[in-house]
Amino acid sequence: MAKKQRHQATSTKPAAQDQPSTLKDMLRSDVLEKLQAASKGLKDAEDQRKAEVREKAEVERKAEQKRLDNDFGHLLENSKLDWKKYKK
Protein backbone atom coordinates (compact mmCIF):
# COMPACT_ATOMS: atom_id res chain seq x y z
CA MET A 1 0.00 0.00 0.00
CA ALA A 2 2.81 2.36 0.77
CA LYS A 3 4.10 2.05 -2.78
CA LYS A 4 0.73 3.03 -4.24
CA GLN A 5 0.48 6.10 -2.06
CA ARG A 6 3.96 7.29 -3.05
CA HIS A 7 3.21 6.73 -6.73
CA GLN A 8 -0.01 8.72 -6.60
CA ALA A 9 1.64 11.60 -4.83
CA THR A 10 4.36 11.94 -7.47
CA SER A 11 2.01 11.86 -10.45
CA THR A 12 0.43 15.27 -9.99
CA LYS A 13 -0.52 17.06 -13.20
CA PRO A 14 0.19 20.75 -13.71
CA ALA A 15 -2.86 22.96 -13.56
CA ALA A 16 -4.25 24.48 -16.75
CA GLN A 17 -3.41 27.93 -15.42
CA ASP A 18 0.28 27.09 -15.17
CA GLN A 19 0.55 26.21 -18.86
CA PRO A 20 1.30 29.04 -21.31
CA SER A 21 -1.64 30.13 -23.45
CA THR A 22 -1.55 29.12 -27.11
CA LEU A 23 -2.72 30.99 -30.16
CA LYS A 24 -5.70 28.67 -30.38
CA ASP A 25 -6.75 29.71 -26.86
CA MET A 26 -6.36 33.40 -27.64
CA LEU A 27 -8.35 33.42 -30.92
CA ARG A 28 -12.09 33.92 -31.02
CA SER A 29 -14.10 30.85 -31.97
CA ASP A 30 -15.42 32.30 -35.27
CA VAL A 31 -11.91 33.23 -36.43
CA LEU A 32 -10.64 29.80 -35.45
CA GLU A 33 -13.46 28.11 -37.40
CA LYS A 34 -12.68 30.23 -40.49
CA LEU A 35 -9.01 29.27 -40.29
CA GLN A 36 -9.85 25.59 -39.90
CA ALA A 37 -12.25 25.76 -42.87
CA ALA A 38 -9.59 27.45 -44.99
CA SER A 39 -7.06 24.81 -43.97
CA LYS A 40 -9.46 22.01 -44.90
CA GLY A 41 -10.17 23.68 -48.25
CA LEU A 42 -6.47 23.96 -49.04
CA LYS A 43 -5.87 20.32 -48.10
CA ASP A 44 -8.76 19.20 -50.32
CA ALA A 45 -7.44 21.27 -53.22
CA GLU A 46 -3.97 19.77 -52.77
CA ASP A 47 -5.38 16.23 -52.68
CA GLN A 48 -7.37 16.91 -55.85
CA ARG A 49 -4.29 18.32 -57.60
CA LYS A 50 -2.25 15.25 -56.62
CA ALA A 51 -4.99 12.95 -57.93
CA GLU A 52 -5.06 14.82 -61.25
CA VAL A 53 -1.28 14.58 -61.60
CA ARG A 54 -1.40 10.86 -60.80
CA GLU A 55 -4.17 10.27 -63.38
CA LYS A 56 -2.30 12.28 -66.01
CA ALA A 57 0.87 10.27 -65.40
CA GLU A 58 -1.10 7.02 -65.68
CA VAL A 59 -2.64 8.10 -68.99
CA GLU A 60 0.77 9.11 -70.34
CA ARG A 61 2.29 5.80 -69.23
CA LYS A 62 -0.46 3.82 -70.94
CA ALA A 63 -0.09 5.86 -74.15
CA GLU A 64 3.68 5.29 -74.15
CA GLN A 65 3.20 1.55 -73.56
CA LYS A 66 0.69 1.37 -76.42
CA ARG A 67 3.11 3.20 -78.72
CA LEU A 68 5.95 0.84 -77.76
CA ASP A 69 3.74 -2.21 -78.30
CA ASN A 70 3.17 -1.09 -81.87
CA ASP A 71 6.88 -0.43 -82.51
CA PHE A 72 8.40 -3.52 -84.12
CA GLY A 73 11.98 -2.44 -83.39
CA HIS A 74 11.25 -2.07 -79.69
CA LEU A 75 9.50 -5.44 -79.54
CA LEU A 76 12.38 -7.13 -81.33
CA GLU A 77 14.98 -5.59 -78.99
CA ASN A 78 13.07 -6.56 -75.84
CA SER A 79 11.92 -10.02 -76.87
CA LYS A 80 13.53 -13.09 -75.38
CA LEU A 81 15.30 -15.17 -78.00
CA ASP A 82 14.91 -18.47 -76.15
CA TRP A 83 12.91 -20.41 -78.74
CA LYS A 84 13.44 -23.74 -76.98
CA LYS A 85 10.59 -23.16 -74.55
CA TYR A 86 8.18 -22.63 -77.48
CA LYS A 87 9.31 -25.78 -79.30
CA LYS A 88 7.03 -28.82 -78.93
PDB file of N, CA and C in Angstrom:
ATOM      1  N   MET A   1       0.805  -1.189   0.000  1.00  0.00           N
ATOM      2  CA  MET A   1       0.000   0.000   0.000  1.00  0.00           C
ATOM      3  C   MET A   1       0.853   1.259   0.000  1.00  0.00           C
ATOM      4  N   ALA A   2       1.952   1.190   0.676  1.00  0.00           N
ATOM      5  CA  ALA A   2       2.806   2.363   0.769  1.00  0.00           C
ATOM      6  C   ALA A   2       3.335   2.752  -0.607  1.00  0.00           C
ATOM      7  N   LYS A   3       3.596   1.754  -1.444  1.00  0.00           N
ATOM      8  CA  LYS A   3       4.097   2.045  -2.778  1.00  0.00           C
ATOM      9  C   LYS A   3       3.044   2.777  -3.602  1.00  0.00           C
ATOM     10  N   LYS A   4       1.788   2.368  -3.496  1.00  0.00           N
ATOM     11  CA  LYS A   4       0.729   3.032  -4.244  1.00  0.00           C
ATOM     12  C   LYS A   4       0.592   4.490  -3.821  1.00  0.00           C
ATOM     13  N   GLN A   5       0.654   4.738  -2.549  1.00  0.00           N
ATOM     14  CA  GLN A   5       0.485   6.098  -2.062  1.00  0.00           C
ATOM     15  C   GLN A   5       1.618   6.997  -2.542  1.00  0.00           C
ATOM     16  N   ARG A   6       2.838   6.495  -2.572  1.00  0.00           N
ATOM     17  CA  ARG A   6       3.958   7.290  -3.054  1.00  0.00           C
ATOM     18  C   ARG A   6       3.804   7.579  -4.546  1.00  0.00           C
ATOM     19  N   HIS A   7       3.352   6.576  -5.293  1.00  0.00           N
ATOM     20  CA  HIS A   7       3.211   6.735  -6.735  1.00  0.00           C
ATOM     21  C   HIS A   7       2.134   7.774  -7.057  1.00  0.00           C
ATOM     22  N   GLN A   8       1.048   7.766  -6.349  1.00  0.00           N
ATOM     23  CA  GLN A   8      -0.015   8.718  -6.596  1.00  0.00           C
ATOM     24  C   GLN A   8       0.414  10.128  -6.243  1.00  0.00           C
ATOM     25  N   ALA A   9       1.200  10.274  -5.254  1.00  0.00           N
ATOM     26  CA  ALA A   9       1.641  11.595  -4.829  1.00  0.00           C
ATOM     27  C   ALA A   9       2.601  12.207  -5.847  1.00  0.00           C
ATOM     28  N   THR A  10       3.391  11.410  -6.521  1.00  0.00           N
ATOM     29  CA  THR A  10       4.364  11.945  -7.474  1.00  0.00           C
ATOM     30  C   THR A  10       3.764  12.207  -8.846  1.00  0.00           C
ATOM     31  N   SER A  11       2.582  11.703  -9.122  1.00  0.00           N
ATOM     32  CA  SER A  11       2.009  11.860 -10.450  1.00  0.00           C
ATOM     33  C   SER A  11       1.002  13.006 -10.503  1.00  0.00           C
ATOM     34  N   THR A  12       1.323  14.120  -9.932  1.00  0.00           N
ATOM     35  CA  THR A  12       0.427  15.270  -9.988  1.00  0.00           C
ATOM     36  C   THR A  12       0.580  15.949 -11.333  1.00  0.00           C
ATOM     37  N   LYS A  13      -0.525  16.399 -11.899  1.00  0.00           N
ATOM     38  CA  LYS A  13      -0.521  17.061 -13.196  1.00  0.00           C
ATOM     39  C   LYS A  13      -0.500  18.567 -12.987  1.00  0.00           C
ATOM     40  N   PRO A  14       0.193  19.294 -13.850  1.00  0.00           N
ATOM     41  CA  PRO A  14       0.195  20.747 -13.710  1.00  0.00           C
ATOM     42  C   PRO A  14      -1.188  21.311 -14.027  1.00  0.00           C
ATOM     43  N   ALA A  15      -1.552  22.349 -13.357  1.00  0.00           N
ATOM     44  CA  ALA A  15      -2.861  22.961 -13.563  1.00  0.00           C
ATOM     45  C   ALA A  15      -2.894  23.658 -14.915  1.00  0.00           C
ATOM     46  N   ALA A  16      -4.087  23.836 -15.453  1.00  0.00           N
ATOM     47  CA  ALA A  16      -4.247  24.475 -16.750  1.00  0.00           C
ATOM     48  C   ALA A  16      -3.769  25.923 -16.706  1.00  0.00           C
ATOM     49  N   GLN A  17      -3.840  26.540 -15.546  1.00  0.00           N
ATOM     50  CA  GLN A  17      -3.411  27.927 -15.422  1.00  0.00           C
ATOM     51  C   GLN A  17      -1.897  28.062 -15.495  1.00  0.00           C
ATOM     52  N   ASP A  18      -1.170  27.041 -15.146  1.00  0.00           N
ATOM     53  CA  ASP A  18       0.282  27.086 -15.168  1.00  0.00           C
ATOM     54  C   ASP A  18       0.842  26.984 -16.584  1.00  0.00           C
ATOM     55  N   GLN A  19       0.082  26.397 -17.496  1.00  0.00           N
ATOM     56  CA  GLN A  19       0.555  26.214 -18.861  1.00  0.00           C
ATOM     57  C   GLN A  19       0.437  27.530 -19.627  1.00  0.00           C
ATOM     58  N   PRO A  20       1.383  27.797 -20.534  1.00  0.00           N
ATOM     59  CA  PRO A  20       1.299  29.038 -21.313  1.00  0.00           C
ATOM     60  C   PRO A  20       0.122  28.969 -22.286  1.00  0.00           C
ATOM     61  N   SER A  21      -0.494  30.102 -22.540  1.00  0.00           N
ATOM     62  CA  SER A  21      -1.636  30.129 -23.450  1.00  0.00           C
ATOM     63  C   SER A  21      -1.134  30.004 -24.887  1.00  0.00           C
ATOM     64  N   THR A  22      -1.910  29.328 -25.709  1.00  0.00           N
ATOM     65  CA  THR A  22      -1.550  29.117 -27.106  1.00  0.00           C
ATOM     66  C   THR A  22      -2.364  30.064 -27.972  1.00  0.00           C
ATOM     67  N   LEU A  23      -1.998  30.136 -29.231  1.00  0.00           N
ATOM     68  CA  LEU A  23      -2.717  30.993 -30.164  1.00  0.00           C
ATOM     69  C   LEU A  23      -4.161  30.529 -30.308  1.00  0.00           C
ATOM     70  N   LYS A  24      -4.363  29.229 -30.277  1.00  0.00           N
ATOM     71  CA  LYS A  24      -5.703  28.670 -30.378  1.00  0.00           C
ATOM     72  C   LYS A  24      -6.575  29.150 -29.218  1.00  0.00           C
ATOM     73  N   ASP A  25      -6.002  29.248 -28.025  1.00  0.00           N
ATOM     74  CA  ASP A  25      -6.753  29.715 -26.861  1.00  0.00           C
ATOM     75  C   ASP A  25      -7.069  31.201 -26.963  1.00  0.00           C
ATOM     76  N   MET A  26      -6.193  31.956 -27.584  1.00  0.00           N
ATOM     77  CA  MET A  26      -6.361  33.399 -27.641  1.00  0.00           C
ATOM     78  C   MET A  26      -7.293  33.850 -28.762  1.00  0.00           C
ATOM     79  N   LEU A  27      -7.486  33.044 -29.808  1.00  0.00           N
ATOM     80  CA  LEU A  27      -8.354  33.425 -30.921  1.00  0.00           C
ATOM     81  C   LEU A  27      -9.820  33.256 -30.564  1.00  0.00           C
ATOM     82  N   ARG A  28     -10.648  34.080 -31.198  1.00  0.00           N
ATOM     83  CA  ARG A  28     -12.088  33.920 -31.024  1.00  0.00           C
ATOM     84  C   ARG A  28     -12.533  32.673 -31.779  1.00  0.00           C
ATOM     85  N   SER A  29     -13.640  32.113 -31.381  1.00  0.00           N
ATOM     86  CA  SER A  29     -14.095  30.853 -31.974  1.00  0.00           C
ATOM     87  C   SER A  29     -14.448  31.012 -33.449  1.00  0.00           C
ATOM     88  N   ASP A  30     -15.058  32.135 -33.868  1.00  0.00           N
ATOM     89  CA  ASP A  30     -15.421  32.305 -35.271  1.00  0.00           C
ATOM     90  C   ASP A  30     -14.178  32.433 -36.158  1.00  0.00           C
ATOM     91  N   VAL A  31     -13.153  33.104 -35.669  1.00  0.00           N
ATOM     92  CA  VAL A  31     -11.908  33.231 -36.432  1.00  0.00           C
ATOM     93  C   VAL A  31     -11.228  31.864 -36.534  1.00  0.00           C
ATOM     94  N   LEU A  32     -11.237  31.131 -35.448  1.00  0.00           N
ATOM     95  CA  LEU A  32     -10.642  29.796 -35.452  1.00  0.00           C
ATOM     96  C   LEU A  32     -11.361  28.876 -36.426  1.00  0.00           C
ATOM     97  N   GLU A  33     -12.688  28.946 -36.468  1.00  0.00           N
ATOM     98  CA  GLU A  33     -13.461  28.114 -37.401  1.00  0.00           C
ATOM     99  C   GLU A  33     -13.153  28.492 -38.848  1.00  0.00           C
ATOM    100  N   LYS A  34     -13.012  29.792 -39.136  1.00  0.00           N
ATOM    101  CA  LYS A  34     -12.675  30.229 -40.490  1.00  0.00           C
ATOM    102  C   LYS A  34     -11.306  29.709 -40.895  1.00  0.00           C
ATOM    103  N   LEU A  35     -10.350  29.772 -39.990  1.00  0.00           N
ATOM    104  CA  LEU A  35      -9.010  29.271 -40.293  1.00  0.00           C
ATOM    105  C   LEU A  35      -9.011  27.766 -40.530  1.00  0.00           C
ATOM    106  N   GLN A  36      -9.773  27.037 -39.726  1.00  0.00           N
ATOM    107  CA  GLN A  36      -9.846  25.588 -39.903  1.00  0.00           C
ATOM    108  C   GLN A  36     -10.531  25.241 -41.217  1.00  0.00           C
ATOM    109  N   ALA A  37     -11.571  26.009 -41.599  1.00  0.00           N
ATOM    110  CA  ALA A  37     -12.250  25.762 -42.872  1.00  0.00           C
ATOM    111  C   ALA A  37     -11.308  26.051 -44.044  1.00  0.00           C
ATOM    112  N   ALA A  38     -10.540  27.127 -43.937  1.00  0.00           N
ATOM    113  CA  ALA A  38      -9.588  27.451 -44.995  1.00  0.00           C
ATOM    114  C   ALA A  38      -8.522  26.370 -45.105  1.00  0.00           C
ATOM    115  N   SER A  39      -8.061  25.873 -43.971  1.00  0.00           N
ATOM    116  CA  SER A  39      -7.064  24.809 -43.969  1.00  0.00           C
ATOM    117  C   SER A  39      -7.610  23.550 -44.637  1.00  0.00           C
ATOM    118  N   LYS A  40      -8.839  23.205 -44.300  1.00  0.00           N
ATOM    119  CA  LYS A  40      -9.456  22.013 -44.898  1.00  0.00           C
ATOM    120  C   LYS A  40      -9.625  22.193 -46.407  1.00  0.00           C
ATOM    121  N   GLY A  41     -10.018  23.400 -46.828  1.00  0.00           N
ATOM    122  CA  GLY A  41     -10.170  23.680 -48.253  1.00  0.00           C
ATOM    123  C   GLY A  41      -8.852  23.558 -48.998  1.00  0.00           C
ATOM    124  N   LEU A  42      -7.784  24.061 -48.407  1.00  0.00           N
ATOM    125  CA  LEU A  42      -6.472  23.958 -49.039  1.00  0.00           C
ATOM    126  C   LEU A  42      -6.002  22.510 -49.123  1.00  0.00           C
ATOM    127  N   LYS A  43      -6.258  21.735 -48.077  1.00  0.00           N
ATOM    128  CA  LYS A  43      -5.870  20.316 -48.099  1.00  0.00           C
ATOM    129  C   LYS A  43      -6.650  19.559 -49.163  1.00  0.00           C
ATOM    130  N   ASP A  44      -7.947  19.855 -49.301  1.00  0.00           N
ATOM    131  CA  ASP A  44      -8.764  19.203 -50.317  1.00  0.00           C
ATOM    132  C   ASP A  44      -8.279  19.561 -51.720  1.00  0.00           C
ATOM    133  N   ALA A  45      -7.942  20.838 -51.922  1.00  0.00           N
ATOM    134  CA  ALA A  45      -7.442  21.268 -53.224  1.00  0.00           C
ATOM    135  C   ALA A  45      -6.122  20.580 -53.549  1.00  0.00           C
ATOM    136  N   GLU A  46      -5.256  20.436 -52.560  1.00  0.00           N
ATOM    137  CA  GLU A  46      -3.968  19.765 -52.766  1.00  0.00           C
ATOM    138  C   GLU A  46      -4.167  18.280 -53.094  1.00  0.00           C
ATOM    139  N   ASP A  47      -5.097  17.635 -52.397  1.00  0.00           N
ATOM    140  CA  ASP A  47      -5.382  16.230 -52.681  1.00  0.00           C
ATOM    141  C   ASP A  47      -5.934  16.062 -54.091  1.00  0.00           C
ATOM    142  N   GLN A  48      -6.798  16.984 -54.503  1.00  0.00           N
ATOM    143  CA  GLN A  48      -7.375  16.911 -55.848  1.00  0.00           C
ATOM    144  C   GLN A  48      -6.284  17.120 -56.900  1.00  0.00           C
ATOM    145  N   ARG A  49      -5.371  18.070 -56.655  1.00  0.00           N
ATOM    146  CA  ARG A  49      -4.290  18.323 -57.602  1.00  0.00           C
ATOM    147  C   ARG A  49      -3.383  17.100 -57.722  1.00  0.00           C
ATOM    148  N   LYS A  50      -3.087  16.455 -56.593  1.00  0.00           N
ATOM    149  CA  LYS A  50      -2.250  15.253 -56.625  1.00  0.00           C
ATOM    150  C   LYS A  50      -2.932  14.128 -57.387  1.00  0.00           C
ATOM    151  N   ALA A  51      -4.251  13.991 -57.210  1.00  0.00           N
ATOM    152  CA  ALA A  51      -4.993  12.955 -57.930  1.00  0.00           C
ATOM    153  C   ALA A  51      -4.968  13.215 -59.432  1.00  0.00           C
ATOM    154  N   GLU A  52      -5.102  14.477 -59.826  1.00  0.00           N
ATOM    155  CA  GLU A  52      -5.063  14.816 -61.247  1.00  0.00           C
ATOM    156  C   GLU A  52      -3.692  14.532 -61.844  1.00  0.00           C
ATOM    157  N   VAL A  53      -2.637  14.855 -61.116  1.00  0.00           N
ATOM    158  CA  VAL A  53      -1.278  14.585 -61.597  1.00  0.00           C
ATOM    159  C   VAL A  53      -1.060  13.085 -61.734  1.00  0.00           C
ATOM    160  N   ARG A  54      -1.551  12.315 -60.764  1.00  0.00           N
ATOM    161  CA  ARG A  54      -1.404  10.862 -60.804  1.00  0.00           C
ATOM    162  C   ARG A  54      -2.160  10.272 -62.002  1.00  0.00           C
ATOM    163  N   GLU A  55      -3.387  10.767 -62.240  1.00  0.00           N
ATOM    164  CA  GLU A  55      -4.169  10.267 -63.376  1.00  0.00           C
ATOM    165  C   GLU A  55      -3.509  10.629 -64.703  1.00  0.00           C
ATOM    166  N   LYS A  56      -2.966  11.850 -64.789  1.00  0.00           N
ATOM    167  CA  LYS A  56      -2.303  12.280 -66.013  1.00  0.00           C
ATOM    168  C   LYS A  56      -1.078  11.414 -66.283  1.00  0.00           C
ATOM    169  N   ALA A  57      -0.310  11.119 -65.243  1.00  0.00           N
ATOM    170  CA  ALA A  57       0.873  10.267 -65.404  1.00  0.00           C
ATOM    171  C   ALA A  57       0.470   8.856 -65.840  1.00  0.00           C
ATOM    172  N   GLU A  58      -0.623   8.354 -65.306  1.00  0.00           N
ATOM    173  CA  GLU A  58      -1.100   7.016 -65.684  1.00  0.00           C
ATOM    174  C   GLU A  58      -1.521   6.987 -67.154  1.00  0.00           C
ATOM    175  N   VAL A  59      -2.222   8.024 -67.590  1.00  0.00           N
ATOM    176  CA  VAL A  59      -2.643   8.097 -68.990  1.00  0.00           C
ATOM    177  C   VAL A  59      -1.419   8.181 -69.898  1.00  0.00           C
ATOM    178  N   GLU A  60      -0.450   8.993 -69.525  1.00  0.00           N
ATOM    179  CA  GLU A  60       0.769   9.111 -70.336  1.00  0.00           C
ATOM    180  C   GLU A  60       1.534   7.796 -70.380  1.00  0.00           C
ATOM    181  N   ARG A  61       1.590   7.085 -69.259  1.00  0.00           N
ATOM    182  CA  ARG A  61       2.290   5.800 -69.227  1.00  0.00           C
ATOM    183  C   ARG A  61       1.600   4.780 -70.130  1.00  0.00           C
ATOM    184  N   LYS A  62       0.270   4.759 -70.084  1.00  0.00           N
ATOM    185  CA  LYS A  62      -0.463   3.824 -70.943  1.00  0.00           C
ATOM    186  C   LYS A  62      -0.283   4.161 -72.413  1.00  0.00           C
ATOM    187  N   ALA A  63      -0.279   5.452 -72.756  1.00  0.00           N
ATOM    188  CA  ALA A  63      -0.091   5.863 -74.150  1.00  0.00           C
ATOM    189  C   ALA A  63       1.307   5.476 -74.627  1.00  0.00           C
ATOM    190  N   GLU A  64       2.310   5.665 -73.786  1.00  0.00           N
ATOM    191  CA  GLU A  64       3.679   5.293 -74.151  1.00  0.00           C
ATOM    192  C   GLU A  64       3.797   3.777 -74.329  1.00  0.00           C
ATOM    193  N   GLN A  65       3.160   3.007 -73.447  1.00  0.00           N
ATOM    194  CA  GLN A  65       3.201   1.550 -73.563  1.00  0.00           C
ATOM    195  C   GLN A  65       2.517   1.090 -74.845  1.00  0.00           C
ATOM    196  N   LYS A  66       1.404   1.726 -75.182  1.00  0.00           N
ATOM    197  CA  LYS A  66       0.688   1.366 -76.416  1.00  0.00           C
ATOM    198  C   LYS A  66       1.550   1.678 -77.634  1.00  0.00           C
ATOM    199  N   ARG A  67       2.249   2.833 -77.596  1.00  0.00           N
ATOM    200  CA  ARG A  67       3.109   3.198 -78.718  1.00  0.00           C
ATOM    201  C   ARG A  67       4.260   2.198 -78.840  1.00  0.00           C
ATOM    202  N   LEU A  68       4.840   1.795 -77.710  1.00  0.00           N
ATOM    203  CA  LEU A  68       5.945   0.838 -77.759  1.00  0.00           C
ATOM    204  C   LEU A  68       5.489  -0.545 -78.205  1.00  0.00           C
ATOM    205  N   ASP A  69       4.263  -0.916 -77.865  1.00  0.00           N
ATOM    206  CA  ASP A  69       3.741  -2.215 -78.299  1.00  0.00           C
ATOM    207  C   ASP A  69       3.548  -2.269 -79.805  1.00  0.00           C
ATOM    208  N   ASN A  70       3.346  -1.129 -80.424  1.00  0.00           N
ATOM    209  CA  ASN A  70       3.166  -1.088 -81.875  1.00  0.00           C
ATOM    210  C   ASN A  70       4.480  -0.862 -82.617  1.00  0.00           C
ATOM    211  N   ASP A  71       5.575  -0.672 -81.905  1.00  0.00           N
ATOM    212  CA  ASP A  71       6.881  -0.433 -82.510  1.00  0.00           C
ATOM    213  C   ASP A  71       7.619  -1.766 -82.643  1.00  0.00           C
ATOM    214  N   PHE A  72       7.788  -2.223 -83.885  1.00  0.00           N
ATOM    215  CA  PHE A  72       8.401  -3.520 -84.121  1.00  0.00           C
ATOM    216  C   PHE A  72       9.847  -3.558 -83.637  1.00  0.00           C
ATOM    217  N   GLY A  73      10.578  -2.475 -83.819  1.00  0.00           N
ATOM    218  CA  GLY A  73      11.981  -2.438 -83.390  1.00  0.00           C
ATOM    219  C   GLY A  73      12.101  -2.605 -81.878  1.00  0.00           C
ATOM    220  N   HIS A  74      11.238  -1.960 -81.149  1.00  0.00           N
ATOM    221  CA  HIS A  74      11.255  -2.068 -79.693  1.00  0.00           C
ATOM    222  C   HIS A  74      10.899  -3.490 -79.250  1.00  0.00           C
ATOM    223  N   LEU A  75       9.887  -4.074 -79.890  1.00  0.00           N
ATOM    224  CA  LEU A  75       9.498  -5.443 -79.536  1.00  0.00           C
ATOM    225  C   LEU A  75      10.613  -6.433 -79.844  1.00  0.00           C
ATOM    226  N   LEU A  76      11.305  -6.236 -80.949  1.00  0.00           N
ATOM    227  CA  LEU A  76      12.384  -7.128 -81.335  1.00  0.00           C
ATOM    228  C   LEU A  76      13.559  -7.014 -80.357  1.00  0.00           C
ATOM    229  N   GLU A  77      13.876  -5.787 -79.926  1.00  0.00           N
ATOM    230  CA  GLU A  77      14.982  -5.591 -78.988  1.00  0.00           C
ATOM    231  C   GLU A  77      14.679  -6.174 -77.605  1.00  0.00           C
ATOM    232  N   ASN A  78      13.437  -6.128 -77.193  1.00  0.00           N
ATOM    233  CA  ASN A  78      13.073  -6.558 -75.842  1.00  0.00           C
ATOM    234  C   ASN A  78      12.498  -7.965 -75.779  1.00  0.00           C
ATOM    235  N   SER A  79      12.449  -8.656 -76.896  1.00  0.00           N
ATOM    236  CA  SER A  79      11.924 -10.021 -76.865  1.00  0.00           C
ATOM    237  C   SER A  79      13.012 -10.984 -76.425  1.00  0.00           C
ATOM    238  N   LYS A  80      12.588 -12.059 -75.800  1.00  0.00           N
ATOM    239  CA  LYS A  80      13.532 -13.092 -75.379  1.00  0.00           C
ATOM    240  C   LYS A  80      13.739 -14.045 -76.553  1.00  0.00           C
ATOM    241  N   LEU A  81      14.972 -14.352 -76.834  1.00  0.00           N
ATOM    242  CA  LEU A  81      15.301 -15.172 -77.997  1.00  0.00           C
ATOM    243  C   LEU A  81      15.458 -16.636 -77.632  1.00  0.00           C
ATOM    244  N   ASP A  82      14.851 -17.076 -76.571  1.00  0.00           N
ATOM    245  CA  ASP A  82      14.910 -18.465 -76.155  1.00  0.00           C
ATOM    246  C   ASP A  82      13.745 -19.208 -76.784  1.00  0.00           C
ATOM    247  N   TRP A  83      13.982 -19.743 -77.992  1.00  0.00           N
ATOM    248  CA  TRP A  83      12.915 -20.408 -78.736  1.00  0.00           C
ATOM    249  C   TRP A  83      12.697 -21.838 -78.268  1.00  0.00           C
ATOM    250  N   LYS A  84      13.576 -22.354 -77.420  1.00  0.00           N
ATOM    251  CA  LYS A  84      13.441 -23.738 -76.978  1.00  0.00           C
ATOM    252  C   LYS A  84      12.184 -23.948 -76.146  1.00  0.00           C
ATOM    253  N   LYS A  85      11.782 -22.966 -75.400  1.00  0.00           N
ATOM    254  CA  LYS A  85      10.588 -23.155 -74.549  1.00  0.00           C
ATOM    255  C   LYS A  85       9.301 -23.137 -75.380  1.00  0.00           C
ATOM    256  N   TYR A  86       9.362 -22.646 -76.610  1.00  0.00           N
ATOM    257  CA  TYR A  86       8.177 -22.632 -77.476  1.00  0.00           C
ATOM    258  C   TYR A  86       8.125 -23.862 -78.378  1.00  0.00           C
ATOM    259  N   LYS A  87       9.230 -24.606 -78.430  1.00  0.00           N
ATOM    260  CA  LYS A  87       9.310 -25.779 -79.298  1.00  0.00           C
ATOM    261  C   LYS A  87       8.553 -26.935 -78.658  1.00  0.00           C
ATOM    262  N   LYS A  88       7.804 -27.683 -79.447  1.00  0.00           N
ATOM    263  CA  LYS A  88       7.033 -28.816 -78.929  1.00  0.00           C
ATOM    264  C   LYS A  88       7.801 -30.077 -78.912  1.00  0.00           C
TER     265      LYS A  88
END
